[in-house]
Amino acid sequence: MTDDKKYTCSLEAVDLKKVKLVSGQIPEIGKTKFMAELFKAFSDPTRLQILQALSIDELCVCDISAIVEVSVSAISHQLRLLRNLHIVNNRKEGKMVYYSLNDSHIEQLIAVAKEHIEEL
């Protein structure tokens, strides 16, 4: 940020003090890309239904399939993606595998989205 001309726009109205302040506080591009992947995961209606169901209770694939009314195979595929993004956890109990949200941040994101939609 040493080259002031690098940050000028056609109006010549760049506030370098603000640019430096904000630039120092936003996450690096790698973290931003991971955040974008997280939001992509939330953008699919089936995945979002799965996450909403898991925000209420821990469930197995068959339960999720019945709730979301999507095949077990499709649910398993979506859960694999959500697991890879560290959005859901799984635990085994005998032959059964139960899924839950990874942490309260995921639940909070869902709650904030619901609240936002209800305000519209």
PDB file of N, CA and C in Angstrom:
ATOM      1  N   MET A   1       0.807  -1.194   0.000  1.00  0.00           N
ATOM      2  CA  MET A   1       0.000   0.000   0.000  1.00  0.00           C
ATOM      3  C   MET A   1       0.848   1.254   0.000  1.00  0.00           C
ATOM      4  N   THR A   2       2.061   1.131  -0.448  1.00  0.00           N
ATOM      5  CA  THR A   2       2.922   2.306  -0.482  1.00  0.00           C
ATOM      6  C   THR A   2       2.665   3.159  -1.707  1.00  0.00           C
ATOM      7  N   ASP A   3       2.138   2.585  -2.765  1.00  0.00           N
ATOM      8  CA  ASP A   3       1.874   3.327  -3.991  1.00  0.00           C
ATOM      9  C   ASP A   3       0.454   3.879  -3.960  1.00  0.00           C
ATOM     10  N   ASP A   4       0.304   5.168  -3.654  1.00  0.00           N
ATOM     11  CA  ASP A   4      -1.012   5.786  -3.545  1.00  0.00           C
ATOM     12  C   ASP A   4      -1.784   5.720  -4.850  1.00  0.00           C
ATOM     13  N   LYS A   5      -1.116   5.817  -5.994  1.00  0.00           N
ATOM     14  CA  LYS A   5      -1.782   5.784  -7.296  1.00  0.00           C
ATOM     15  C   LYS A   5      -2.451   4.435  -7.540  1.00  0.00           C
ATOM     16  N   LYS A   6      -1.928   3.382  -6.952  1.00  0.00           N
ATOM     17  CA  LYS A   6      -2.483   2.029  -7.117  1.00  0.00           C
ATOM     18  C   LYS A   6      -3.927   1.966  -6.625  1.00  0.00           C
ATOM     19  N   TYR A   7      -4.306   2.785  -5.676  1.00  0.00           N
ATOM     20  CA  TYR A   7      -5.621   2.725  -5.046  1.00  0.00           C
ATOM     21  C   TYR A   7      -6.543   3.867  -5.440  1.00  0.00           C
ATOM     22  N   THR A   8      -6.245   4.565  -6.510  1.00  0.00           N
ATOM     23  CA  THR A   8      -7.126   5.639  -6.935  1.00  0.00           C
ATOM     24  C   THR A   8      -8.168   5.109  -7.906  1.00  0.00           C
ATOM     25  N   CYS A   9      -9.322   5.728  -7.918  1.00  0.00           N
ATOM     26  CA  CYS A   9     -10.373   5.368  -8.873  1.00  0.00           C
ATOM     27  C   CYS A   9     -10.573   6.550  -9.807  1.00  0.00           C
ATOM     28  N   SER A  10     -11.500   6.409 -10.733  1.00  0.00           N
ATOM     29  CA  SER A  10     -11.689   7.473 -11.725  1.00  0.00           C
ATOM     30  C   SER A  10     -12.099   8.801 -11.087  1.00  0.00           C
ATOM     31  N   LEU A  11     -12.661   8.774  -9.906  1.00  0.00           N
ATOM     32  CA  LEU A  11     -13.060  10.000  -9.230  1.00  0.00           C
ATOM     33  C   LEU A  11     -11.948  10.578  -8.373  1.00  0.00           C
ATOM     34  N   GLU A  12     -10.850   9.834  -8.251  1.00  0.00           N
ATOM     35  CA  GLU A  12      -9.723  10.273  -7.420  1.00  0.00           C
ATOM     36  C   GLU A  12     -10.189  10.539  -5.988  1.00  0.00           C
ATOM     37  N   ALA A  13     -11.063   9.659  -5.472  1.00  0.00           N
ATOM     38  CA  ALA A  13     -11.642   9.902  -4.159  1.00  0.00           C
ATOM     39  C   ALA A  13     -11.361   8.767  -3.178  1.00  0.00           C
ATOM     40  N   VAL A  14     -10.269   8.049  -3.351  1.00  0.00           N
ATOM     41  CA  VAL A  14      -9.940   6.947  -2.458  1.00  0.00           C
ATOM     42  C   VAL A  14      -9.449   7.504  -1.128  1.00  0.00           C
ATOM     43  N   ASP A  15     -10.019   7.004  -0.045  1.00  0.00           N
ATOM     44  CA  ASP A  15      -9.606   7.397   1.300  1.00  0.00           C
ATOM     45  C   ASP A  15      -8.596   6.358   1.777  1.00  0.00           C
ATOM     46  N   LEU A  16      -7.324   6.630   1.603  1.00  0.00           N
ATOM     47  CA  LEU A  16      -6.278   5.651   1.913  1.00  0.00           C
ATOM     48  C   LEU A  16      -6.287   5.224   3.375  1.00  0.00           C
ATOM     49  N   LYS A  17      -6.660   6.130   4.255  1.00  0.00           N
ATOM     50  CA  LYS A  17      -6.723   5.779   5.673  1.00  0.00           C
ATOM     51  C   LYS A  17      -7.762   4.667   5.890  1.00  0.00           C
ATOM     52  N   LYS A  18      -8.935   4.813   5.271  1.00  0.00           N
ATOM     53  CA  LYS A  18      -9.979   3.789   5.382  1.00  0.00           C
ATOM     54  C   LYS A  18      -9.575   2.500   4.673  1.00  0.00           C
ATOM     55  N   VAL A  19      -8.958   2.637   3.510  1.00  0.00           N
ATOM     56  CA  VAL A  19      -8.519   1.456   2.761  1.00  0.00           C
ATOM     57  C   VAL A  19      -7.546   0.639   3.599  1.00  0.00           C
ATOM     58  N   LYS A  20      -6.588   1.285   4.198  1.00  0.00           N
ATOM     59  CA  LYS A  20      -5.598   0.586   5.042  1.00  0.00           C
ATOM     60  C   LYS A  20      -6.263  -0.047   6.259  1.00  0.00           C
ATOM     61  N   LEU A  21      -7.183   0.692   6.896  1.00  0.00           N
ATOM     62  CA  LEU A  21      -7.877   0.189   8.079  1.00  0.00           C
ATOM     63  C   LEU A  21      -8.681  -1.070   7.755  1.00  0.00           C
ATOM     64  N   VAL A  22      -9.483  -0.988   6.695  1.00  0.00           N
ATOM     65  CA  VAL A  22     -10.346  -2.116   6.327  1.00  0.00           C
ATOM     66  C   VAL A  22      -9.520  -3.271   5.778  1.00  0.00           C
ATOM     67  N   SER A  23      -8.540  -2.996   4.945  1.00  0.00           N
ATOM     68  CA  SER A  23      -7.703  -4.048   4.365  1.00  0.00           C
ATOM     69  C   SER A  23      -7.024  -4.878   5.442  1.00  0.00           C
ATOM     70  N   GLY A  24      -6.669  -4.235   6.526  1.00  0.00           N
ATOM     71  CA  GLY A  24      -6.000  -4.947   7.621  1.00  0.00           C
ATOM     72  C   GLY A  24      -6.934  -5.794   8.464  1.00  0.00           C
ATOM     73  N   GLN A  25      -8.239  -5.648   8.262  1.00  0.00           N
ATOM     74  CA  GLN A  25      -9.200  -6.359   9.103  1.00  0.00           C
ATOM     75  C   GLN A  25      -9.981  -7.446   8.388  1.00  0.00           C
ATOM     76  N   ILE A  26      -9.953  -7.478   7.057  1.00  0.00           N
ATOM     77  CA  ILE A  26     -10.671  -8.544   6.355  1.00  0.00           C
ATOM     78  C   ILE A  26      -9.766  -9.767   6.255  1.00  0.00           C
ATOM     79  N   PRO A  27     -10.359 -10.954   6.251  1.00  0.00           N
ATOM     80  CA  PRO A  27      -9.542 -12.179   6.205  1.00  0.00           C
ATOM     81  C   PRO A  27      -8.747 -12.286   4.905  1.00  0.00           C
ATOM     82  N   GLU A  28      -7.665 -13.033   4.983  1.00  0.00           N
ATOM     83  CA  GLU A  28      -6.857 -13.291   3.790  1.00  0.00           C
ATOM     84  C   GLU A  28      -7.688 -14.062   2.773  1.00  0.00           C
ATOM     85  N   ILE A  29      -7.254 -14.079   1.516  1.00  0.00           N
ATOM     86  CA  ILE A  29      -8.042 -14.649   0.428  1.00  0.00           C
ATOM     87  C   ILE A  29      -8.335 -16.142   0.640  1.00  0.00           C
ATOM     88  N   GLY A  30      -7.435 -16.891   1.223  1.00  0.00           N
ATOM     89  CA  GLY A  30      -7.686 -18.311   1.480  1.00  0.00           C
ATOM     90  C   GLY A  30      -8.867 -18.514   2.417  1.00  0.00           C
ATOM     91  N   LYS A  31      -8.928 -17.720   3.475  1.00  0.00           N
ATOM     92  CA  LYS A  31     -10.043 -17.798   4.413  1.00  0.00           C
ATOM     93  C   LYS A  31     -11.336 -17.311   3.763  1.00  0.00           C
ATOM     94  N   THR A  32     -11.222 -16.282   2.940  1.00  0.00           N
ATOM     95  CA  THR A  32     -12.397 -15.762   2.245  1.00  0.00           C
ATOM     96  C   THR A  32     -12.959 -16.808   1.291  1.00  0.00           C
ATOM     97  N   LYS A  33     -12.079 -17.531   0.599  1.00  0.00           N
ATOM     98  CA  LYS A  33     -12.537 -18.596  -0.296  1.00  0.00           C
ATOM     99  C   LYS A  33     -13.241 -19.695   0.481  1.00  0.00           C
ATOM    100  N   PHE A  34     -12.713 -20.046   1.662  1.00  0.00           N
ATOM    101  CA  PHE A  34     -13.365 -21.068   2.487  1.00  0.00           C
ATOM    102  C   PHE A  34     -14.732 -20.574   2.963  1.00  0.00           C
ATOM    103  N   MET A  35     -14.829 -19.293   3.302  1.00  0.00           N
ATOM    104  CA  MET A  35     -16.118 -18.721   3.689  1.00  0.00           C
ATOM    105  C   MET A  35     -17.107 -18.808   2.533  1.00  0.00           C
ATOM    106  N   ALA A  36     -16.633 -18.553   1.321  1.00  0.00           N
ATOM    107  CA  ALA A  36     -17.504 -18.642   0.137  1.00  0.00           C
ATOM    108  C   ALA A  36     -18.009 -20.071  -0.034  1.00  0.00           C
ATOM    109  N   GLU A  37     -17.157 -21.061   0.203  1.00  0.00           N
ATOM    110  CA  GLU A  37     -17.571 -22.469   0.128  1.00  0.00           C
ATOM    111  C   GLU A  37     -18.635 -22.768   1.176  1.00  0.00           C
ATOM    112  N   LEU A  38     -18.468 -22.206   2.350  1.00  0.00           N
ATOM    113  CA  LEU A  38     -19.455 -22.374   3.412  1.00  0.00           C
ATOM    114  C   LEU A  38     -20.812 -21.822   2.978  1.00  0.00           C
ATOM    115  N   PHE A  39     -20.813 -20.625   2.409  1.00  0.00           N
ATOM    116  CA  PHE A  39     -22.070 -20.032   1.950  1.00  0.00           C
ATOM    117  C   PHE A  39     -22.657 -20.802   0.774  1.00  0.00           C
ATOM    118  N   LYS A  40     -21.813 -21.365  -0.078  1.00  0.00           N
ATOM    119  CA  LYS A  40     -22.312 -22.210  -1.168  1.00  0.00           C
ATOM    120  C   LYS A  40     -23.049 -23.413  -0.594  1.00  0.00           C
ATOM    121  N   ALA A  41     -22.505 -23.990   0.468  1.00  0.00           N
ATOM    122  CA  ALA A  41     -23.147 -25.146   1.104  1.00  0.00           C
ATOM    123  C   ALA A  41     -24.531 -24.769   1.615  1.00  0.00           C
ATOM    124  N   PHE A  42     -24.675 -23.570   2.125  1.00  0.00           N
ATOM    125  CA  PHE A  42     -25.964 -23.101   2.635  1.00  0.00           C
ATOM    126  C   PHE A  42     -26.917 -22.730   1.505  1.00  0.00           C
ATOM    127  N   SER A  43     -26.411 -22.564   0.292  1.00  0.00           N
ATOM    128  CA  SER A  43     -27.244 -22.079  -0.807  1.00  0.00           C
ATOM    129  C   SER A  43     -28.119 -23.161  -1.441  1.00  0.00           C
ATOM    130  N   ASP A  44     -27.860 -24.422  -1.159  1.00  0.00           N
ATOM    131  CA  ASP A  44     -28.654 -25.506  -1.727  1.00  0.00           C
ATOM    132  C   ASP A  44     -29.844 -25.799  -0.806  1.00  0.00           C
ATOM    133  N   PRO A  45     -31.087 -25.783  -1.332  1.00  0.00           N
ATOM    134  CA  PRO A  45     -32.263 -25.990  -0.477  1.00  0.00           C
ATOM    135  C   PRO A  45     -32.259 -27.330   0.270  1.00  0.00           C
ATOM    136  N   THR A  46     -31.798 -28.390  -0.366  1.00  0.00           N
ATOM    137  CA  THR A  46     -31.764 -29.691   0.324  1.00  0.00           C
ATOM    138  C   THR A  46     -30.784 -29.655   1.484  1.00  0.00           C
ATOM    139  N   ARG A  47     -29.588 -29.118   1.240  1.00  0.00           N
ATOM    140  CA  ARG A  47     -28.604 -29.025   2.327  1.00  0.00           C
ATOM    141  C   ARG A  47     -29.114 -28.134   3.447  1.00  0.00           C
ATOM    142  N   LEU A  48     -29.774 -27.046   3.085  1.00  0.00           N
ATOM    143  CA  LEU A  48     -30.293 -26.142   4.110  1.00  0.00           C
ATOM    144  C   LEU A  48     -31.391 -26.817   4.930  1.00  0.00           C
ATOM    145  N   GLN A  49     -32.227 -27.627   4.288  1.00  0.00           N
ATOM    146  CA  GLN A  49     -33.234 -28.384   5.039  1.00  0.00           C
ATOM    147  C   GLN A  49     -32.561 -29.367   5.995  1.00  0.00           C
ATOM    148  N   ILE A  50     -31.511 -30.030   5.529  1.00  0.00           N
ATOM    149  CA  ILE A  50     -30.759 -30.952   6.387  1.00  0.00           C
ATOM    150  C   ILE A  50     -30.219 -30.201   7.598  1.00  0.00           C
ATOM    151  N   LEU A  51     -29.616 -29.053   7.356  1.00  0.00           N
ATOM    152  CA  LEU A  51     -29.028 -28.278   8.456  1.00  0.00           C
ATOM    153  C   LEU A  51     -30.091 -27.779   9.425  1.00  0.00           C
ATOM    154  N   GLN A  52     -31.245 -27.376   8.901  1.00  0.00           N
ATOM    155  CA  GLN A  52     -32.324 -26.937   9.782  1.00  0.00           C
ATOM    156  C   GLN A  52     -32.810 -28.095  10.649  1.00  0.00           C
ATOM    157  N   ALA A  53     -32.920 -29.275  10.048  1.00  0.00           N
ATOM    158  CA  ALA A  53     -33.348 -30.450  10.817  1.00  0.00           C
ATOM    159  C   ALA A  53     -32.315 -30.781  11.894  1.00  0.00           C
ATOM    160  N   LEU A  54     -31.042 -30.714  11.532  1.00  0.00           N
ATOM    161  CA  LEU A  54     -29.986 -31.031  12.498  1.00  0.00           C
ATOM    162  C   LEU A  54     -29.839 -29.957  13.570  1.00  0.00           C
ATOM    163  N   SER A  55     -30.360 -28.777  13.305  1.00  0.00           N
ATOM    164  CA  SER A  55     -30.325 -27.741  14.343  1.00  0.00           C
ATOM    165  C   SER A  55     -31.333 -28.044  15.447  1.00  0.00           C
ATOM    166  N   ILE A  56     -32.263 -28.950  15.151  1.00  0.00           N
ATOM    167  CA  ILE A  56     -33.282 -29.337  16.136  1.00  0.00           C
ATOM    168  C   ILE A  56     -32.851 -30.576  16.909  1.00  0.00           C
ATOM    169  N   ASP A  57     -32.260 -31.552  16.188  1.00  0.00           N
ATOM    170  CA  ASP A  57     -31.863 -32.793  16.859  1.00  0.00           C
ATOM    171  C   ASP A  57     -30.849 -33.555  16.022  1.00  0.00           C
ATOM    172  N   GLU A  58     -30.105 -34.401  16.668  1.00  0.00           N
ATOM    173  CA  GLU A  58     -29.191 -35.325  16.016  1.00  0.00           C
ATOM    174  C   GLU A  58     -30.023 -36.377  15.280  1.00  0.00           C
ATOM    175  N   LEU A  59     -29.659 -36.696  14.036  1.00  0.00           N
ATOM    176  CA  LEU A  59     -30.463 -37.608  13.222  1.00  0.00           C
ATOM    177  C   LEU A  59     -29.585 -38.560  12.416  1.00  0.00           C
ATOM    178  N   CYS A  60     -30.150 -39.723  12.073  1.00  0.00           N
ATOM    179  CA  CYS A  60     -29.473 -40.653  11.175  1.00  0.00           C
ATOM    180  C   CYS A  60     -29.902 -40.339   9.740  1.00  0.00           C
ATOM    181  N   VAL A  61     -29.217 -40.939   8.770  1.00  0.00           N
ATOM    182  CA  VAL A  61     -29.498 -40.679   7.351  1.00  0.00           C
ATOM    183  C   VAL A  61     -30.954 -41.003   7.013  1.00  0.00           C
ATOM    184  N   CYS A  62     -31.459 -42.114   7.528  1.00  0.00           N
ATOM    185  CA  CYS A  62     -32.842 -42.514   7.224  1.00  0.00           C
ATOM    186  C   CYS A  62     -33.844 -41.497   7.756  1.00  0.00           C
ATOM    187  N   ASP A  63     -33.605 -40.999   8.961  1.00  0.00           N
ATOM    188  CA  ASP A  63     -34.485 -39.971   9.528  1.00  0.00           C
ATOM    189  C   ASP A  63     -34.453 -38.702   8.676  1.00  0.00           C
ATOM    190  N   ILE A  64     -33.248 -38.284   8.292  1.00  0.00           N
ATOM    191  CA  ILE A  64     -33.106 -37.076   7.475  1.00  0.00           C
ATOM    192  C   ILE A  64     -33.806 -37.269   6.136  1.00  0.00           C
ATOM    193  N   SER A  65     -33.637 -38.443   5.547  1.00  0.00           N
ATOM    194  CA  SER A  65     -34.278 -38.756   4.267  1.00  0.00           C
ATOM    195  C   SER A  65     -35.796 -38.624   4.367  1.00  0.00           C
ATOM    196  N   ALA A  66     -36.359 -39.139   5.455  1.00  0.00           N
ATOM    197  CA  ALA A  66     -37.813 -39.061   5.648  1.00  0.00           C
ATOM    198  C   ALA A  66     -38.275 -37.616   5.871  1.00  0.00           C
ATOM    199  N   ILE A  67     -37.505 -36.852   6.603  1.00  0.00           N
ATOM    200  CA  ILE A  67     -37.864 -35.463   6.896  1.00  0.00           C
ATOM    201  C   ILE A  67     -37.789 -34.597   5.643  1.00  0.00           C
ATOM    202  N   VAL A  68     -36.719 -34.745   4.891  1.00  0.00           N
ATOM    203  CA  VAL A  68     -36.461 -33.903   3.731  1.00  0.00           C
ATOM    204  C   VAL A  68     -37.150 -34.447   2.468  1.00  0.00           C
ATOM    205  N   GLU A  69     -37.582 -35.701   2.548  1.00  0.00           N
ATOM    206  CA  GLU A  69     -38.243 -36.380   1.427  1.00  0.00           C
ATOM    207  C   GLU A  69     -37.341 -36.458   0.195  1.00  0.00           C
ATOM    208  N   VAL A  70     -36.115 -36.892   0.446  1.00  0.00           N
ATOM    209  CA  VAL A  70     -35.108 -37.101  -0.586  1.00  0.00           C
ATOM    210  C   VAL A  70     -34.489 -38.466  -0.321  1.00  0.00           C
ATOM    211  N   SER A  71     -34.009 -39.129  -1.364  1.00  0.00           N
ATOM    212  CA  SER A  71     -33.470 -40.483  -1.216  1.00  0.00           C
ATOM    213  C   SER A  71     -32.297 -40.531  -0.236  1.00  0.00           C
ATOM    214  N   VAL A  72     -32.129 -41.686   0.367  1.00  0.00           N
ATOM    215  CA  VAL A  72     -31.020 -41.901   1.301  1.00  0.00           C
ATOM    216  C   VAL A  72     -29.693 -41.638   0.602  1.00  0.00           C
ATOM    217  N   SER A  73     -29.579 -42.091  -0.637  1.00  0.00           N
ATOM    218  CA  SER A  73     -28.356 -41.877  -1.413  1.00  0.00           C
ATOM    219  C   SER A  73     -28.046 -40.389  -1.585  1.00  0.00           C
ATOM    220  N   ALA A  74     -29.063 -39.614  -1.927  1.00  0.00           N
ATOM    221  CA  ALA A  74     -28.872 -38.173  -2.110  1.00  0.00           C
ATOM    222  C   ALA A  74     -28.515 -37.491  -0.788  1.00  0.00           C
ATOM    223  N   ILE A  75     -29.143 -37.926   0.292  1.00  0.00           N
ATOM    224  CA  ILE A  75     -28.839 -37.365   1.610  1.00  0.00           C
ATOM    225  C   ILE A  75     -27.396 -37.688   1.993  1.00  0.00           C
ATOM    226  N   SER A  76     -26.985 -38.928   1.758  1.00  0.00           N
ATOM    227  CA  SER A  76     -25.605 -39.328   2.068  1.00  0.00           C
ATOM    228  C   SER A  76     -24.601 -38.473   1.305  1.00  0.00           C
ATOM    229  N   HIS A  77     -24.899 -38.212   0.051  1.00  0.00           N
ATOM    230  CA  HIS A  77     -24.019 -37.362  -0.769  1.00  0.00           C
ATOM    231  C   HIS A  77     -23.913 -35.958  -0.166  1.00  0.00           C
ATOM    232  N   GLN A  78     -25.052 -35.387   0.216  1.00  0.00           N
ATOM    233  CA  GLN A  78     -25.060 -34.042   0.792  1.00  0.00           C
ATOM    234  C   GLN A  78     -24.341 -34.010   2.141  1.00  0.00           C
ATOM    235  N   LEU A  79     -24.534 -35.056   2.939  1.00  0.00           N
ATOM    236  CA  LEU A  79     -23.870 -35.114   4.244  1.00  0.00           C
ATOM    237  C   LEU A  79     -22.353 -35.218   4.088  1.00  0.00           C
ATOM    238  N   ARG A  80     -21.894 -35.932   3.073  1.00  0.00           N
ATOM    239  CA  ARG A  80     -20.458 -36.051   2.815  1.00  0.00           C
ATOM    240  C   ARG A  80     -19.876 -34.664   2.529  1.00  0.00           C
ATOM    241  N   LEU A  81     -20.565 -33.893   1.691  1.00  0.00           N
ATOM    242  CA  LEU A  81     -20.106 -32.541   1.391  1.00  0.00           C
ATOM    243  C   LEU A  81     -20.083 -31.678   2.658  1.00  0.00           C
ATOM    244  N   LEU A  82     -21.140 -31.758   3.442  1.00  0.00           N
ATOM    245  CA  LEU A  82     -21.223 -30.967   4.676  1.00  0.00           C
ATOM    246  C   LEU A  82     -20.161 -31.383   5.687  1.00  0.00           C
ATOM    247  N   ARG A  83     -19.856 -32.667   5.735  1.00  0.00           N
ATOM    248  CA  ARG A  83     -18.788 -33.161   6.619  1.00  0.00           C
ATOM    249  C   ARG A  83     -17.434 -32.624   6.167  1.00  0.00           C
ATOM    250  N   ASN A  84     -17.185 -32.654   4.858  1.00  0.00           N
ATOM    251  CA  ASN A  84     -15.906 -32.177   4.324  1.00  0.00           C
ATOM    252  C   ASN A  84     -15.682 -30.694   4.589  1.00  0.00           C
ATOM    253  N   LEU A  85     -16.756 -29.949   4.708  1.00  0.00           N
ATOM    254  CA  LEU A  85     -16.666 -28.521   5.011  1.00  0.00           C
ATOM    255  C   LEU A  85     -16.704 -28.248   6.522  1.00  0.00           C
ATOM    256  N   HIS A  86     -16.714 -29.295   7.318  1.00  0.00           N
ATOM    257  CA  HIS A  86     -16.737 -29.192   8.788  1.00  0.00           C
ATOM    258  C   HIS A  86     -17.991 -28.489   9.296  1.00  0.00           C
ATOM    259  N   ILE A  87     -19.105 -28.729   8.592  1.00  0.00           N
ATOM    260  CA  ILE A  87     -20.379 -28.149   8.998  1.00  0.00           C
ATOM    261  C   ILE A  87     -21.152 -29.129   9.863  1.00  0.00           C
ATOM    262  N   VAL A  88     -21.038 -30.421   9.574  1.00  0.00           N
ATOM    263  CA  VAL A  88     -21.680 -31.453  10.391  1.00  0.00           C
ATOM    264  C   VAL A  88     -20.650 -32.454  10.893  1.00  0.00           C
ATOM    265  N   ASN A  89     -21.002 -33.092  11.993  1.00  0.00           N
ATOM    266  CA  ASN A  89     -20.218 -34.182  12.583  1.00  0.00           C
ATOM    267  C   ASN A  89     -21.026 -35.461  12.484  1.00  0.00           C
ATOM    268  N   ASN A  90     -20.350 -36.568  12.609  1.00  0.00           N
ATOM    269  CA  ASN A  90     -21.072 -37.832  12.712  1.00  0.00           C
ATOM    270  C   ASN A  90     -20.466 -38.670  13.828  1.00  0.00           C
ATOM    271  N   ARG A  91     -21.305 -39.540  14.372  1.00  0.00           N
ATOM    272  CA  ARG A  91     -20.841 -40.470  15.392  1.00  0.00           C
ATOM    273  C   ARG A  91     -21.533 -41.801  15.151  1.00  0.00           C
ATOM    274  N   LYS A  92     -20.812 -42.872  15.437  1.00  0.00           N
ATOM    275  CA  LYS A  92     -21.375 -44.207  15.255  1.00  0.00           C
ATOM    276  C   LYS A  92     -21.847 -44.764  16.579  1.00  0.00           C
ATOM    277  N   GLU A  93     -22.980 -45.420  16.498  1.00  0.00           N
ATOM    278  CA  GLU A  93     -23.518 -46.141  17.651  1.00  0.00           C
ATOM    279  C   GLU A  93     -23.956 -47.497  17.107  1.00  0.00           C
ATOM    280  N   GLY A  94     -23.101 -48.499  17.295  1.00  0.00           N
ATOM    281  CA  GLY A  94     -23.344 -49.794  16.660  1.00  0.00           C
ATOM    282  C   GLY A  94     -23.228 -49.638  15.160  1.00  0.00           C
ATOM    283  N   LYS A  95     -24.248 -50.050  14.433  1.00  0.00           N
ATOM    284  CA  LYS A  95     -24.253 -49.898  12.973  1.00  0.00           C
ATOM    285  C   LYS A  95     -24.827 -48.564  12.523  1.00  0.00           C
ATOM    286  N   MET A  96     -25.421 -47.847  13.444  1.00  0.00           N
ATOM    287  CA  MET A  96     -26.064 -46.561  13.108  1.00  0.00           C
ATOM    288  C   MET A  96     -25.048 -45.414  13.139  1.00  0.00           C
ATOM    289  N   VAL A  97     -25.224 -44.486  12.217  1.00  0.00           N
ATOM    290  CA  VAL A  97     -24.412 -43.274  12.179  1.00  0.00           C
ATOM    291  C   VAL A  97     -25.358 -42.093  12.373  1.00  0.00           C
ATOM    292  N   TYR A  98     -25.056 -41.270  13.350  1.00  0.00           N
ATOM    293  CA  TYR A  98     -25.881 -40.107  13.658  1.00  0.00           C
ATOM    294  C   TYR A  98     -25.121 -38.833  13.296  1.00  0.00           C
ATOM    295  N   TYR A  99     -25.861 -37.874  12.782  1.00  0.00           N
ATOM    296  CA  TYR A  99     -25.286 -36.606  12.351  1.00  0.00           C
ATOM    297  C   TYR A  99     -25.798 -35.475  13.226  1.00  0.00           C
ATOM    298  N   SER A 100     -24.925 -34.495  13.425  1.00  0.00           N
ATOM    299  CA  SER A 100     -25.270 -33.296  14.185  1.00  0.00           C
ATOM    300  C   SER A 100     -24.486 -32.124  13.612  1.00  0.00           C
ATOM    301  N   LEU A 101     -24.898 -30.918  13.980  1.00  0.00           N
ATOM    302  CA  LEU A 101     -24.157 -29.738  13.541  1.00  0.00           C
ATOM    303  C   LEU A 101     -22.802 -29.712  14.232  1.00  0.00           C
ATOM    304  N   ASN A 102     -21.803 -29.220  13.531  1.00  0.00           N
ATOM    305  CA  ASN A 102     -20.442 -29.197  14.050  1.00  0.00           C
ATOM    306  C   ASN A 102     -20.315 -28.340  15.305  1.00  0.00           C
ATOM    307  N   ASP A 103     -20.946 -27.163  15.297  1.00  0.00           N
ATOM    308  CA  ASP A 103     -20.890 -26.296  16.475  1.00  0.00           C
ATOM    309  C   ASP A 103     -22.016 -25.270  16.448  1.00  0.00           C
ATOM    310  N   SER A 104     -22.074 -24.466  17.459  1.00  0.00           N
ATOM    311  CA  SER A 104     -23.171 -23.508  17.591  1.00  0.00           C
ATOM    312  C   SER A 104     -23.126 -22.408  16.535  1.00  0.00           C
ATOM    313  N   HIS A 105     -21.964 -22.193  15.908  1.00  0.00           N
ATOM    314  CA  HIS A 105     -21.889 -21.155  14.871  1.00  0.00           C
ATOM    315  C   HIS A 105     -22.803 -21.483  13.695  1.00  0.00           C
ATOM    316  N   ILE A 106     -22.889 -22.752  13.345  1.00  0.00           N
ATOM    317  CA  ILE A 106     -23.746 -23.168  12.240  1.00  0.00           C
ATOM    318  C   ILE A 106     -25.205 -22.906  12.604  1.00  0.00           C
ATOM    319  N   GLU A 107     -25.564 -23.258  13.815  1.00  0.00           N
ATOM    320  CA  GLU A 107     -26.923 -23.011  14.301  1.00  0.00           C
ATOM    321  C   GLU A 107     -27.230 -21.511  14.298  1.00  0.00           C
ATOM    322  N   GLN A 108     -26.262 -20.701  14.681  1.00  0.00           N
ATOM    323  CA  GLN A 108     -26.445 -19.247  14.703  1.00  0.00           C
ATOM    324  C   GLN A 108     -26.639 -18.692  13.288  1.00  0.00           C
ATOM    325  N   LEU A 109     -25.877 -19.211  12.325  1.00  0.00           N
ATOM    326  CA  LEU A 109     -26.038 -18.766  10.935  1.00  0.00           C
ATOM    327  C   LEU A 109     -27.449 -19.054  10.435  1.00  0.00           C
ATOM    328  N   ILE A 110     -27.960 -20.237  10.763  1.00  0.00           N
ATOM    329  CA  ILE A 110     -29.313 -20.615  10.362  1.00  0.00           C
ATOM    330  C   ILE A 110     -30.334 -19.690  11.031  1.00  0.00           C
ATOM    331  N   ALA A 111     -30.149 -19.454  12.315  1.00  0.00           N
ATOM    332  CA  ALA A 111     -31.073 -18.598  13.062  1.00  0.00           C
ATOM    333  C   ALA A 111     -31.076 -17.169  12.515  1.00  0.00           C
ATOM    334  N   VAL A 112     -29.906 -16.646  12.196  1.00  0.00           N
ATOM    335  CA  VAL A 112     -29.816 -15.282  11.661  1.00  0.00           C
ATOM    336  C   VAL A 112     -30.489 -15.214  10.292  1.00  0.00           C
ATOM    337  N   ALA A 113     -30.298 -16.228   9.462  1.00  0.00           N
ATOM    338  CA  ALA A 113     -30.940 -16.251   8.139  1.00  0.00           C
ATOM    339  C   ALA A 113     -32.458 -16.290   8.288  1.00  0.00           C
ATOM    340  N   LYS A 114     -32.968 -17.124   9.206  1.00  0.00           N
ATOM    341  CA  LYS A 114     -34.415 -17.184   9.447  1.00  0.00           C
ATOM    342  C   LYS A 114     -34.942 -15.832   9.907  1.00  0.00           C
ATOM    343  N   GLU A 115     -34.234 -15.230  10.845  1.00  0.00           N
ATOM    344  CA  GLU A 115     -34.645 -13.922  11.375  1.00  0.00           C
ATOM    345  C   GLU A 115     -34.673 -12.881  10.264  1.00  0.00           C
ATOM    346  N   HIS A 116     -33.673 -12.902   9.417  1.00  0.00           N
ATOM    347  CA  HIS A 116     -33.612 -11.941   8.298  1.00  0.00           C
ATOM    348  C   HIS A 116     -34.803 -12.126   7.354  1.00  0.00           C
ATOM    349  N   ILE A 117     -35.109 -13.366   7.025  1.00  0.00           N
ATOM    350  CA  ILE A 117     -36.227 -13.665   6.113  1.00  0.00           C
ATOM    351  C   ILE A 117     -37.557 -13.225   6.735  1.00  0.00           C
ATOM    352  N   GLU A 118     -37.721 -13.435   8.016  1.00  0.00           N
ATOM    353  CA  GLU A 118     -38.958 -13.056   8.694  1.00  0.00           C
ATOM    354  C   GLU A 118     -39.165 -11.550   8.751  1.00  0.00           C
ATOM    355  N   GLU A 119     -38.067 -10.787   8.667  1.00  0.00           N
ATOM    356  CA  GLU A 119     -38.164  -9.331   8.693  1.00  0.00           C
ATOM    357  C   GLU A 119     -38.592  -8.765   7.346  1.00  0.00           C
ATOM    358  N   LEU A 120     -38.436  -9.519   6.289  1.00  0.00           N
ATOM    359  CA  LEU A 120     -38.749  -9.012   4.937  1.00  0.00           C
ATOM    360  C   LEU A 120     -40.235  -8.840   4.713  1.00  0.00           C
TER     361      LEU A 120
END
